[in-house]
Amino acid sequence: MGDQPSKTEYVYSSVTVTVYSCSMCGTTLQESNLMRMGNRIYCQSCFQHERNKQTEEAANQRLQEMQRAQKAESRRKEKLERERIQGEHKKRLEEIKKCNQV
């Protein structure tokens, strides 16, 4: 289906009935039982499916962002620890050099 909702009008003895088609499954819907999300029209089951899918995608994206932040923090801590250890080694080497010079 396209991004534009499918809309069909039927005229029965001067009464106009407008029906729509679900953007996902194509089910024929009347105005009273359709669901809208953006410019798309869904039947209730497709609407629920699409909403659940979008909710899951958003949750996955938040999880990935959190994992990236945790990895970055872990790398930062590892770098600080390496720098601390290197500083300690440098101090020890300087102390050894001083002792050897005496």
PDB file of N, CA and C in Angstrom:
ATOM      1  N   MET A   1       0.836  -1.177   0.000  1.00  0.00           N
ATOM      2  CA  MET A   1       0.000   0.000   0.000  1.00  0.00           C
ATOM      3  C   MET A   1       0.884   1.245   0.000  1.00  0.00           C
ATOM      4  N   GLY A   2       0.344   2.405  -0.255  1.00  0.00           N
ATOM      5  CA  GLY A   2       1.139   3.618  -0.286  1.00  0.00           C
ATOM      6  C   GLY A   2       1.055   4.376   1.015  1.00  0.00           C
ATOM      7  N   ASP A   3       1.653   5.561   1.013  1.00  0.00           N
ATOM      8  CA  ASP A   3       1.587   6.396   2.206  1.00  0.00           C
ATOM      9  C   ASP A   3       0.263   7.144   2.281  1.00  0.00           C
ATOM     10  N   GLN A   4      -0.412   7.285   1.156  1.00  0.00           N
ATOM     11  CA  GLN A   4      -1.691   7.966   1.169  1.00  0.00           C
ATOM     12  C   GLN A   4      -2.807   6.954   1.432  1.00  0.00           C
ATOM     13  N   PRO A   5      -3.723   7.287   2.360  1.00  0.00           N
ATOM     14  CA  PRO A   5      -4.812   6.362   2.662  1.00  0.00           C
ATOM     15  C   PRO A   5      -5.700   6.145   1.444  1.00  0.00           C
ATOM     16  N   SER A   6      -6.169   4.924   1.316  1.00  0.00           N
ATOM     17  CA  SER A   6      -7.089   4.608   0.234  1.00  0.00           C
ATOM     18  C   SER A   6      -8.497   4.927   0.707  1.00  0.00           C
ATOM     19  N   LYS A   7      -9.196   5.711  -0.055  1.00  0.00           N
ATOM     20  CA  LYS A   7     -10.525   6.165   0.333  1.00  0.00           C
ATOM     21  C   LYS A   7     -11.471   5.940  -0.839  1.00  0.00           C
ATOM     22  N   THR A   8     -12.591   5.300  -0.580  1.00  0.00           N
ATOM     23  CA  THR A   8     -13.584   5.057  -1.618  1.00  0.00           C
ATOM     24  C   THR A   8     -14.935   5.519  -1.108  1.00  0.00           C
ATOM     25  N   GLU A   9     -15.681   6.197  -1.960  1.00  0.00           N
ATOM     26  CA  GLU A   9     -17.004   6.641  -1.554  1.00  0.00           C
ATOM     27  C   GLU A   9     -18.058   5.899  -2.371  1.00  0.00           C
ATOM     28  N   TYR A  10     -19.095   5.452  -1.680  1.00  0.00           N
ATOM     29  CA  TYR A  10     -20.217   4.785  -2.323  1.00  0.00           C
ATOM     30  C   TYR A  10     -21.459   5.616  -2.049  1.00  0.00           C
ATOM     31  N   VAL A  11     -22.319   5.752  -3.045  1.00  0.00           N
ATOM     32  CA  VAL A  11     -23.555   6.510  -2.864  1.00  0.00           C
ATOM     33  C   VAL A  11     -24.715   5.535  -2.991  1.00  0.00           C
ATOM     34  N   TYR A  12     -25.505   5.427  -1.938  1.00  0.00           N
ATOM     35  CA  TYR A  12     -26.695   4.573  -1.918  1.00  0.00           C
ATOM     36  C   TYR A  12     -27.895   5.468  -1.705  1.00  0.00           C
ATOM     37  N   SER A  13     -28.701   5.614  -2.693  1.00  0.00           N
ATOM     38  CA  SER A  13     -29.922   6.430  -2.648  1.00  0.00           C
ATOM     39  C   SER A  13     -29.731   7.677  -1.780  1.00  0.00           C
ATOM     40  N   SER A  14     -28.865   8.527  -2.230  1.00  0.00           N
ATOM     41  CA  SER A  14     -28.535   9.826  -1.657  1.00  0.00           C
ATOM     42  C   SER A  14     -27.833   9.767  -0.292  1.00  0.00           C
ATOM     43  N   VAL A  15     -27.351   8.581   0.108  1.00  0.00           N
ATOM     44  CA  VAL A  15     -26.539   8.468   1.323  1.00  0.00           C
ATOM     45  C   VAL A  15     -25.126   8.102   0.878  1.00  0.00           C
ATOM     46  N   THR A  16     -24.179   8.901   1.251  1.00  0.00           N
ATOM     47  CA  THR A  16     -22.786   8.637   0.875  1.00  0.00           C
ATOM     48  C   THR A  16     -22.093   7.917   2.027  1.00  0.00           C
ATOM     49  N   VAL A  17     -21.479   6.775   1.715  1.00  0.00           N
ATOM     50  CA  VAL A  17     -20.724   6.007   2.699  1.00  0.00           C
ATOM     51  C   VAL A  17     -19.268   6.030   2.253  1.00  0.00           C
ATOM     52  N   THR A  18     -18.385   6.478   3.123  1.00  0.00           N
ATOM     53  CA  THR A  18     -16.962   6.528   2.814  1.00  0.00           C
ATOM     54  C   THR A  18     -16.275   5.357   3.504  1.00  0.00           C
ATOM     55  N   VAL A  19     -15.525   4.599   2.732  1.00  0.00           N
ATOM     56  CA  VAL A  19     -14.759   3.496   3.316  1.00  0.00           C
ATOM     57  C   VAL A  19     -13.280   3.730   3.020  1.00  0.00           C
ATOM     58  N   TYR A  20     -12.446   3.230   3.904  1.00  0.00           N
ATOM     59  CA  TYR A  20     -11.000   3.373   3.787  1.00  0.00           C
ATOM     60  C   TYR A  20     -10.387   1.985   3.763  1.00  0.00           C
ATOM     61  N   SER A  21      -9.141   1.910   3.336  1.00  0.00           N
ATOM     62  CA  SER A  21      -8.417   0.643   3.350  1.00  0.00           C
ATOM     63  C   SER A  21      -7.255   0.747   4.317  1.00  0.00           C
ATOM     64  N   CYS A  22      -7.052  -0.328   5.093  1.00  0.00           N
ATOM     65  CA  CYS A  22      -5.927  -0.391   6.013  1.00  0.00           C
ATOM     66  C   CYS A  22      -4.636  -0.300   5.208  1.00  0.00           C
ATOM     67  N   SER A  23      -3.699   0.524   5.676  1.00  0.00           N
ATOM     68  CA  SER A  23      -2.425   0.717   4.979  1.00  0.00           C
ATOM     69  C   SER A  23      -1.571  -0.546   4.969  1.00  0.00           C
ATOM     70  N   MET A  24      -1.802  -1.447   5.936  1.00  0.00           N
ATOM     71  CA  MET A  24      -0.971  -2.657   6.005  1.00  0.00           C
ATOM     72  C   MET A  24      -1.635  -3.849   5.324  1.00  0.00           C
ATOM     73  N   CYS A  25      -2.868  -4.150   5.706  1.00  0.00           N
ATOM     74  CA  CYS A  25      -3.483  -5.389   5.222  1.00  0.00           C
ATOM     75  C   CYS A  25      -4.547  -5.174   4.156  1.00  0.00           C
ATOM     76  N   GLY A  26      -4.970  -3.930   3.969  1.00  0.00           N
ATOM     77  CA  GLY A  26      -5.943  -3.644   2.924  1.00  0.00           C
ATOM     78  C   GLY A  26      -7.393  -3.865   3.323  1.00  0.00           C
ATOM     79  N   THR A  27      -7.635  -4.212   4.583  1.00  0.00           N
ATOM     80  CA  THR A  27      -9.002  -4.420   5.050  1.00  0.00           C
ATOM     81  C   THR A  27      -9.824  -3.157   4.846  1.00  0.00           C
ATOM     82  N   THR A  28     -11.064  -3.319   4.416  1.00  0.00           N
ATOM     83  CA  THR A  28     -11.962  -2.186   4.214  1.00  0.00           C
ATOM     84  C   THR A  28     -12.500  -1.730   5.564  1.00  0.00           C
ATOM     85  N   LEU A  29     -12.425  -0.429   5.795  1.00  0.00           N
ATOM     86  CA  LEU A  29     -12.824   0.135   7.087  1.00  0.00           C
ATOM     87  C   LEU A  29     -13.743   1.327   6.895  1.00  0.00           C
ATOM     88  N   GLN A  30     -14.672   1.491   7.803  1.00  0.00           N
ATOM     89  CA  GLN A  30     -15.471   2.712   7.830  1.00  0.00           C
ATOM     90  C   GLN A  30     -14.824   3.677   8.813  1.00  0.00           C
ATOM     91  N   GLU A  31     -15.217   4.929   8.738  1.00  0.00           N
ATOM     92  CA  GLU A  31     -14.643   5.975   9.588  1.00  0.00           C
ATOM     93  C   GLU A  31     -14.705   5.606  11.067  1.00  0.00           C
ATOM     94  N   SER A  32     -15.764   4.921  11.472  1.00  0.00           N
ATOM     95  CA  SER A  32     -15.969   4.638  12.896  1.00  0.00           C
ATOM     96  C   SER A  32     -15.003   3.599  13.468  1.00  0.00           C
ATOM     97  N   ASN A  33     -14.412   2.746  12.625  1.00  0.00           N
ATOM     98  CA  ASN A  33     -13.544   1.701  13.187  1.00  0.00           C
ATOM     99  C   ASN A  33     -12.122   1.718  12.626  1.00  0.00           C
ATOM    100  N   LEU A  34     -11.663   2.882  12.183  1.00  0.00           N
ATOM    101  CA  LEU A  34     -10.287   2.953  11.702  1.00  0.00           C
ATOM    102  C   LEU A  34      -9.415   3.658  12.729  1.00  0.00           C
ATOM    103  N   MET A  35      -8.114   3.405  12.633  1.00  0.00           N
ATOM    104  CA  MET A  35      -7.140   4.020  13.525  1.00  0.00           C
ATOM    105  C   MET A  35      -6.137   4.765  12.643  1.00  0.00           C
ATOM    106  N   ARG A  36      -5.705   5.919  13.092  1.00  0.00           N
ATOM    107  CA  ARG A  36      -4.748   6.720  12.322  1.00  0.00           C
ATOM    108  C   ARG A  36      -3.426   6.824  13.073  1.00  0.00           C
ATOM    109  N   MET A  37      -2.340   6.748  12.307  1.00  0.00           N
ATOM    110  CA  MET A  37      -1.011   7.005  12.851  1.00  0.00           C
ATOM    111  C   MET A  37      -0.270   7.760  11.757  1.00  0.00           C
ATOM    112  N   GLY A  38       0.003   9.029  12.022  1.00  0.00           N
ATOM    113  CA  GLY A  38       0.581   9.866  10.981  1.00  0.00           C
ATOM    114  C   GLY A  38      -0.462  10.042   9.879  1.00  0.00           C
ATOM    115  N   ASN A  39      -0.048   9.860   8.649  1.00  0.00           N
ATOM    116  CA  ASN A  39      -1.011   9.973   7.549  1.00  0.00           C
ATOM    117  C   ASN A  39      -1.459   8.602   7.062  1.00  0.00           C
ATOM    118  N   ARG A  40      -1.251   7.578   7.880  1.00  0.00           N
ATOM    119  CA  ARG A  40      -1.641   6.219   7.502  1.00  0.00           C
ATOM    120  C   ARG A  40      -2.876   5.794   8.292  1.00  0.00           C
ATOM    121  N   ILE A  41      -3.642   4.911   7.681  1.00  0.00           N
ATOM    122  CA  ILE A  41      -4.858   4.387   8.288  1.00  0.00           C
ATOM    123  C   ILE A  41      -4.676   2.894   8.510  1.00  0.00           C
ATOM    124  N   TYR A  42      -5.091   2.425   9.685  1.00  0.00           N
ATOM    125  CA  TYR A  42      -4.935   1.018  10.043  1.00  0.00           C
ATOM    126  C   TYR A  42      -6.232   0.464  10.606  1.00  0.00           C
ATOM    127  N   CYS A  43      -6.407  -0.853  10.444  1.00  0.00           N
ATOM    128  CA  CYS A  43      -7.435  -1.544  11.213  1.00  0.00           C
ATOM    129  C   CYS A  43      -6.872  -1.667  12.632  1.00  0.00           C
ATOM    130  N   GLN A  44      -7.695  -2.061  13.585  1.00  0.00           N
ATOM    131  CA  GLN A  44      -7.224  -2.072  14.969  1.00  0.00           C
ATOM    132  C   GLN A  44      -6.068  -3.044  15.199  1.00  0.00           C
ATOM    133  N   SER A  45      -6.103  -4.225  14.597  1.00  0.00           N
ATOM    134  CA  SER A  45      -5.029  -5.192  14.835  1.00  0.00           C
ATOM    135  C   SER A  45      -3.709  -4.726  14.216  1.00  0.00           C
ATOM    136  N   CYS A  46      -3.748  -4.163  13.013  1.00  0.00           N
ATOM    137  CA  CYS A  46      -2.520  -3.658  12.385  1.00  0.00           C
ATOM    138  C   CYS A  46      -1.990  -2.438  13.143  1.00  0.00           C
ATOM    139  N   PHE A  47      -2.901  -1.599  13.642  1.00  0.00           N
ATOM    140  CA  PHE A  47      -2.496  -0.432  14.422  1.00  0.00           C
ATOM    141  C   PHE A  47      -1.752  -0.886  15.671  1.00  0.00           C
ATOM    142  N   GLN A  48      -2.299  -1.878  16.375  1.00  0.00           N
ATOM    143  CA  GLN A  48      -1.658  -2.388  17.591  1.00  0.00           C
ATOM    144  C   GLN A  48      -0.292  -2.988  17.267  1.00  0.00           C
ATOM    145  N   HIS A  49      -0.232  -3.749  16.172  1.00  0.00           N
ATOM    146  CA  HIS A  49       1.037  -4.349  15.746  1.00  0.00           C
ATOM    147  C   HIS A  49       2.070  -3.265  15.443  1.00  0.00           C
ATOM    148  N   GLU A  50       1.685  -2.259  14.699  1.00  0.00           N
ATOM    149  CA  GLU A  50       2.602  -1.179  14.319  1.00  0.00           C
ATOM    150  C   GLU A  50       3.052  -0.393  15.546  1.00  0.00           C
ATOM    151  N   ARG A  51       2.129  -0.121  16.453  1.00  0.00           N
ATOM    152  CA  ARG A  51       2.484   0.617  17.665  1.00  0.00           C
ATOM    153  C   ARG A  51       3.456  -0.198  18.523  1.00  0.00           C
ATOM    154  N   ASN A  52       3.196  -1.504  18.662  1.00  0.00           N
ATOM    155  CA  ASN A  52       4.112  -2.363  19.422  1.00  0.00           C
ATOM    156  C   ASN A  52       5.491  -2.390  18.778  1.00  0.00           C
ATOM    157  N   LYS A  53       5.513  -2.450  17.444  1.00  0.00           N
ATOM    158  CA  LYS A  53       6.786  -2.479  16.715  1.00  0.00           C
ATOM    159  C   LYS A  53       7.567  -1.188  16.958  1.00  0.00           C
ATOM    160  N   GLN A  54       6.888  -0.053  16.899  1.00  0.00           N
ATOM    161  CA  GLN A  54       7.556   1.228  17.111  1.00  0.00           C
ATOM    162  C   GLN A  54       8.045   1.359  18.551  1.00  0.00           C
ATOM    163  N   THR A  55       7.243   0.864  19.499  1.00  0.00           N
ATOM    164  CA  THR A  55       7.641   0.900  20.906  1.00  0.00           C
ATOM    165  C   THR A  55       8.876   0.041  21.120  1.00  0.00           C
ATOM    166  N   GLU A  56       8.901  -1.141  20.511  1.00  0.00           N
ATOM    167  CA  GLU A  56      10.051  -2.046  20.639  1.00  0.00           C
ATOM    168  C   GLU A  56      11.299  -1.427  20.008  1.00  0.00           C
ATOM    169  N   GLU A  57      11.135  -0.811  18.836  1.00  0.00           N
ATOM    170  CA  GLU A  57      12.268  -0.174  18.173  1.00  0.00           C
ATOM    171  C   GLU A  57      12.831   0.959  19.034  1.00  0.00           C
ATOM    172  N   ALA A  58      11.952   1.745  19.646  1.00  0.00           N
ATOM    173  CA  ALA A  58      12.401   2.840  20.503  1.00  0.00           C
ATOM    174  C   ALA A  58      13.135   2.291  21.726  1.00  0.00           C
ATOM    175  N   ALA A  59      12.620   1.220  22.307  1.00  0.00           N
ATOM    176  CA  ALA A  59      13.270   0.608  23.467  1.00  0.00           C
ATOM    177  C   ALA A  59      14.645   0.054  23.083  1.00  0.00           C
ATOM    178  N   ASN A  60      14.736  -0.589  21.925  1.00  0.00           N
ATOM    179  CA  ASN A  60      16.023  -1.109  21.455  1.00  0.00           C
ATOM    180  C   ASN A  60      17.023   0.014  21.223  1.00  0.00           C
ATOM    181  N   GLN A  61      16.541   1.125  20.686  1.00  0.00           N
ATOM    182  CA  GLN A  61      17.425   2.263  20.432  1.00  0.00           C
ATOM    183  C   GLN A  61      17.944   2.833  21.754  1.00  0.00           C
ATOM    184  N   ARG A  62      17.066   2.956  22.751  1.00  0.00           N
ATOM    185  CA  ARG A  62      17.506   3.453  24.063  1.00  0.00           C
ATOM    186  C   ARG A  62      18.521   2.493  24.680  1.00  0.00           C
ATOM    187  N   LEU A  63      18.283   1.192  24.545  1.00  0.00           N
ATOM    188  CA  LEU A  63      19.201   0.202  25.083  1.00  0.00           C
ATOM    189  C   LEU A  63      20.569   0.317  24.415  1.00  0.00           C
ATOM    190  N   GLN A  64      20.584   0.453  23.084  1.00  0.00           N
ATOM    191  CA  GLN A  64      21.845   0.593  22.359  1.00  0.00           C
ATOM    192  C   GLN A  64      22.590   1.856  22.785  1.00  0.00           C
ATOM    193  N   GLU A  65      21.861   2.959  22.984  1.00  0.00           N
ATOM    194  CA  GLU A  65      22.493   4.198  23.424  1.00  0.00           C
ATOM    195  C   GLU A  65      23.101   4.025  24.817  1.00  0.00           C
ATOM    196  N   MET A  66      22.378   3.337  25.698  1.00  0.00           N
ATOM    197  CA  MET A  66      22.870   3.104  27.039  1.00  0.00           C
ATOM    198  C   MET A  66      24.123   2.218  27.001  1.00  0.00           C
ATOM    199  N   GLN A  67      24.111   1.176  26.153  1.00  0.00           N
ATOM    200  CA  GLN A  67      25.270   0.299  26.033  1.00  0.00           C
ATOM    201  C   GLN A  67      26.478   1.053  25.487  1.00  0.00           C
ATOM    202  N   ARG A  68      26.254   1.924  24.505  1.00  0.00           N
ATOM    203  CA  ARG A  68      27.357   2.734  23.970  1.00  0.00           C
ATOM    204  C   ARG A  68      27.936   3.638  25.051  1.00  0.00           C
ATOM    205  N   ALA A  69      27.064   4.239  25.852  1.00  0.00           N
ATOM    206  CA  ALA A  69      27.529   5.118  26.933  1.00  0.00           C
ATOM    207  C   ALA A  69      28.328   4.318  27.959  1.00  0.00           C
ATOM    208  N   GLN A  70      27.864   3.111  28.283  1.00  0.00           N
ATOM    209  CA  GLN A  70      28.585   2.271  29.242  1.00  0.00           C
ATOM    210  C   GLN A  70      29.955   1.878  28.702  1.00  0.00           C
ATOM    211  N   LYS A  71      30.030   1.537  27.407  1.00  0.00           N
ATOM    212  CA  LYS A  71      31.317   1.184  26.808  1.00  0.00           C
ATOM    213  C   LYS A  71      32.265   2.370  26.825  1.00  0.00           C
ATOM    214  N   ALA A  72      31.741   3.556  26.514  1.00  0.00           N
ATOM    215  CA  ALA A  72      32.576   4.755  26.514  1.00  0.00           C
ATOM    216  C   ALA A  72      33.094   5.028  27.928  1.00  0.00           C
ATOM    217  N   GLU A  73      32.241   4.881  28.924  1.00  0.00           N
ATOM    218  CA  GLU A  73      32.662   5.092  30.316  1.00  0.00           C
ATOM    219  C   GLU A  73      33.709   4.061  30.714  1.00  0.00           C
ATOM    220  N   SER A  74      33.532   2.824  30.298  1.00  0.00           N
ATOM    221  CA  SER A  74      34.490   1.765  30.605  1.00  0.00           C
ATOM    222  C   SER A  74      35.844   2.063  29.961  1.00  0.00           C
ATOM    223  N   ARG A  75      35.834   2.494  28.708  1.00  0.00           N
ATOM    224  CA  ARG A  75      37.086   2.855  28.026  1.00  0.00           C
ATOM    225  C   ARG A  75      37.772   4.022  28.730  1.00  0.00           C
ATOM    226  N   ARG A  76      36.983   4.999  29.176  1.00  0.00           N
ATOM    227  CA  ARG A  76      37.538   6.156  29.875  1.00  0.00           C
ATOM    228  C   ARG A  76      38.209   5.717  31.180  1.00  0.00           C
ATOM    229  N   LYS A  77      37.533   4.844  31.927  1.00  0.00           N
ATOM    230  CA  LYS A  77      38.101   4.353  33.186  1.00  0.00           C
ATOM    231  C   LYS A  77      39.371   3.540  32.936  1.00  0.00           C
ATOM    232  N   GLU A  78      39.370   2.707  31.903  1.00  0.00           N
ATOM    233  CA  GLU A  78      40.558   1.925  31.570  1.00  0.00           C
ATOM    234  C   GLU A  78      41.725   2.842  31.209  1.00  0.00           C
ATOM    235  N   LYS A  79      41.450   3.891  30.468  1.00  0.00           N
ATOM    236  CA  LYS A  79      42.500   4.836  30.074  1.00  0.00           C
ATOM    237  C   LYS A  79      43.068   5.520  31.313  1.00  0.00           C
ATOM    238  N   LEU A  80      42.204   5.955  32.225  1.00  0.00           N
ATOM    239  CA  LEU A  80      42.674   6.598  33.450  1.00  0.00           C
ATOM    240  C   LEU A  80      43.524   5.635  34.280  1.00  0.00           C
ATOM    241  N   GLU A  81      43.105   4.382  34.353  1.00  0.00           N
ATOM    242  CA  GLU A  81      43.868   3.380  35.105  1.00  0.00           C
ATOM    243  C   GLU A  81      45.234   3.152  34.466  1.00  0.00           C
ATOM    244  N   ARG A  82      45.291   3.056  33.138  1.00  0.00           N
ATOM    245  CA  ARG A  82      46.578   2.903  32.449  1.00  0.00           C
ATOM    246  C   ARG A  82      47.488   4.086  32.728  1.00  0.00           C
ATOM    247  N   GLU A  83      46.919   5.300  32.669  1.00  0.00           N
ATOM    248  CA  GLU A  83      47.713   6.499  32.922  1.00  0.00           C
ATOM    249  C   GLU A  83      48.219   6.512  34.366  1.00  0.00           C
ATOM    250  N   ARG A  84      47.404   6.080  35.318  1.00  0.00           N
ATOM    251  CA  ARG A  84      47.805   6.034  36.718  1.00  0.00           C
ATOM    252  C   ARG A  84      48.963   5.055  36.898  1.00  0.00           C
ATOM    253  N   ILE A  85      48.836   3.867  36.291  1.00  0.00           N
ATOM    254  CA  ILE A  85      49.886   2.845  36.397  1.00  0.00           C
ATOM    255  C   ILE A  85      51.178   3.338  35.750  1.00  0.00           C
ATOM    256  N   GLN A  86      51.050   3.975  34.578  1.00  0.00           N
ATOM    257  CA  GLN A  86      52.239   4.509  33.906  1.00  0.00           C
ATOM    258  C   GLN A  86      52.918   5.568  34.766  1.00  0.00           C
ATOM    259  N   GLY A  87      52.120   6.398  35.447  1.00  0.00           N
ATOM    260  CA  GLY A  87      52.672   7.420  36.332  1.00  0.00           C
ATOM    261  C   GLY A  87      53.432   6.789  37.489  1.00  0.00           C
ATOM    262  N   GLU A  88      52.849   5.722  38.054  1.00  0.00           N
ATOM    263  CA  GLU A  88      53.525   5.030  39.151  1.00  0.00           C
ATOM    264  C   GLU A  88      54.846   4.424  38.683  1.00  0.00           C
ATOM    265  N   HIS A  89      54.857   3.826  37.523  1.00  0.00           N
ATOM    266  CA  HIS A  89      56.082   3.222  36.976  1.00  0.00           C
ATOM    267  C   HIS A  89      57.139   4.294  36.742  1.00  0.00           C
ATOM    268  N   LYS A  90      56.682   5.436  36.224  1.00  0.00           N
ATOM    269  CA  LYS A  90      57.625   6.523  35.958  1.00  0.00           C
ATOM    270  C   LYS A  90      58.254   7.001  37.269  1.00  0.00           C
ATOM    271  N   LYS A  91      57.438   7.130  38.326  1.00  0.00           N
ATOM    272  CA  LYS A  91      57.956   7.543  39.638  1.00  0.00           C
ATOM    273  C   LYS A  91      58.968   6.524  40.162  1.00  0.00           C
ATOM    274  N   ARG A  92      58.658   5.249  40.040  1.00  0.00           N
ATOM    275  CA  ARG A  92      59.570   4.203  40.509  1.00  0.00           C
ATOM    276  C   ARG A  92      60.902   4.255  39.756  1.00  0.00           C
ATOM    277  N   LEU A  93      60.818   4.438  38.441  1.00  0.00           N
ATOM    278  CA  LEU A  93      62.046   4.529  37.641  1.00  0.00           C
ATOM    279  C   LEU A  93      62.891   5.720  38.081  1.00  0.00           C
ATOM    280  N   GLU A  94      62.236   6.846  38.352  1.00  0.00           N
ATOM    281  CA  GLU A  94      62.973   8.026  38.807  1.00  0.00           C
ATOM    282  C   GLU A  94      63.619   7.760  40.167  1.00  0.00           C
ATOM    283  N   GLU A  95      62.908   7.061  41.068  1.00  0.00           N
ATOM    284  CA  GLU A  95      63.468   6.740  42.382  1.00  0.00           C
ATOM    285  C   GLU A  95      64.679   5.816  42.235  1.00  0.00           C
ATOM    286  N   ILE A  96      64.567   4.846  41.334  1.00  0.00           N
ATOM    287  CA  ILE A  96      65.675   3.916  41.083  1.00  0.00           C
ATOM    288  C   ILE A  96      66.867   4.667  40.529  1.00  0.00           C
ATOM    289  N   LYS A  97      66.618   5.595  39.595  1.00  0.00           N
ATOM    290  CA  LYS A  97      67.711   6.385  39.027  1.00  0.00           C
ATOM    291  C   LYS A  97      68.394   7.209  40.123  1.00  0.00           C
ATOM    292  N   LYS A  98      67.646   7.808  41.032  1.00  0.00           N
ATOM    293  CA  LYS A  98      68.200   8.597  42.121  1.00  0.00           C
ATOM    294  C   LYS A  98      69.070   7.710  43.031  1.00  0.00           C
ATOM    295  N   CYS A  99      68.553   6.537  43.350  1.00  0.00           N
ATOM    296  CA  CYS A  99      69.304   5.593  44.202  1.00  0.00           C
ATOM    297  C   CYS A  99      70.598   5.158  43.504  1.00  0.00           C
ATOM    298  N   ASN A 100      70.569   4.937  42.231  1.00  0.00           N
ATOM    299  CA  ASN A 100      71.756   4.506  41.478  1.00  0.00           C
ATOM    300  C   ASN A 100      72.775   5.632  41.361  1.00  0.00           C
ATOM    301  N   GLN A 101      72.347   6.872  41.380  1.00  0.00           N
ATOM    302  CA  GLN A 101      73.257   8.005  41.252  1.00  0.00           C
ATOM    303  C   GLN A 101      74.009   8.259  42.554  1.00  0.00           C
ATOM    304  N   VAL A 102      73.472   7.826  43.670  1.00  0.00           N
ATOM    305  CA  VAL A 102      74.098   8.097  44.968  1.00  0.00           C
ATOM    306  C   VAL A 102      75.333   7.252  45.173  1.00  0.00           C
TER     307      VAL A 102
END
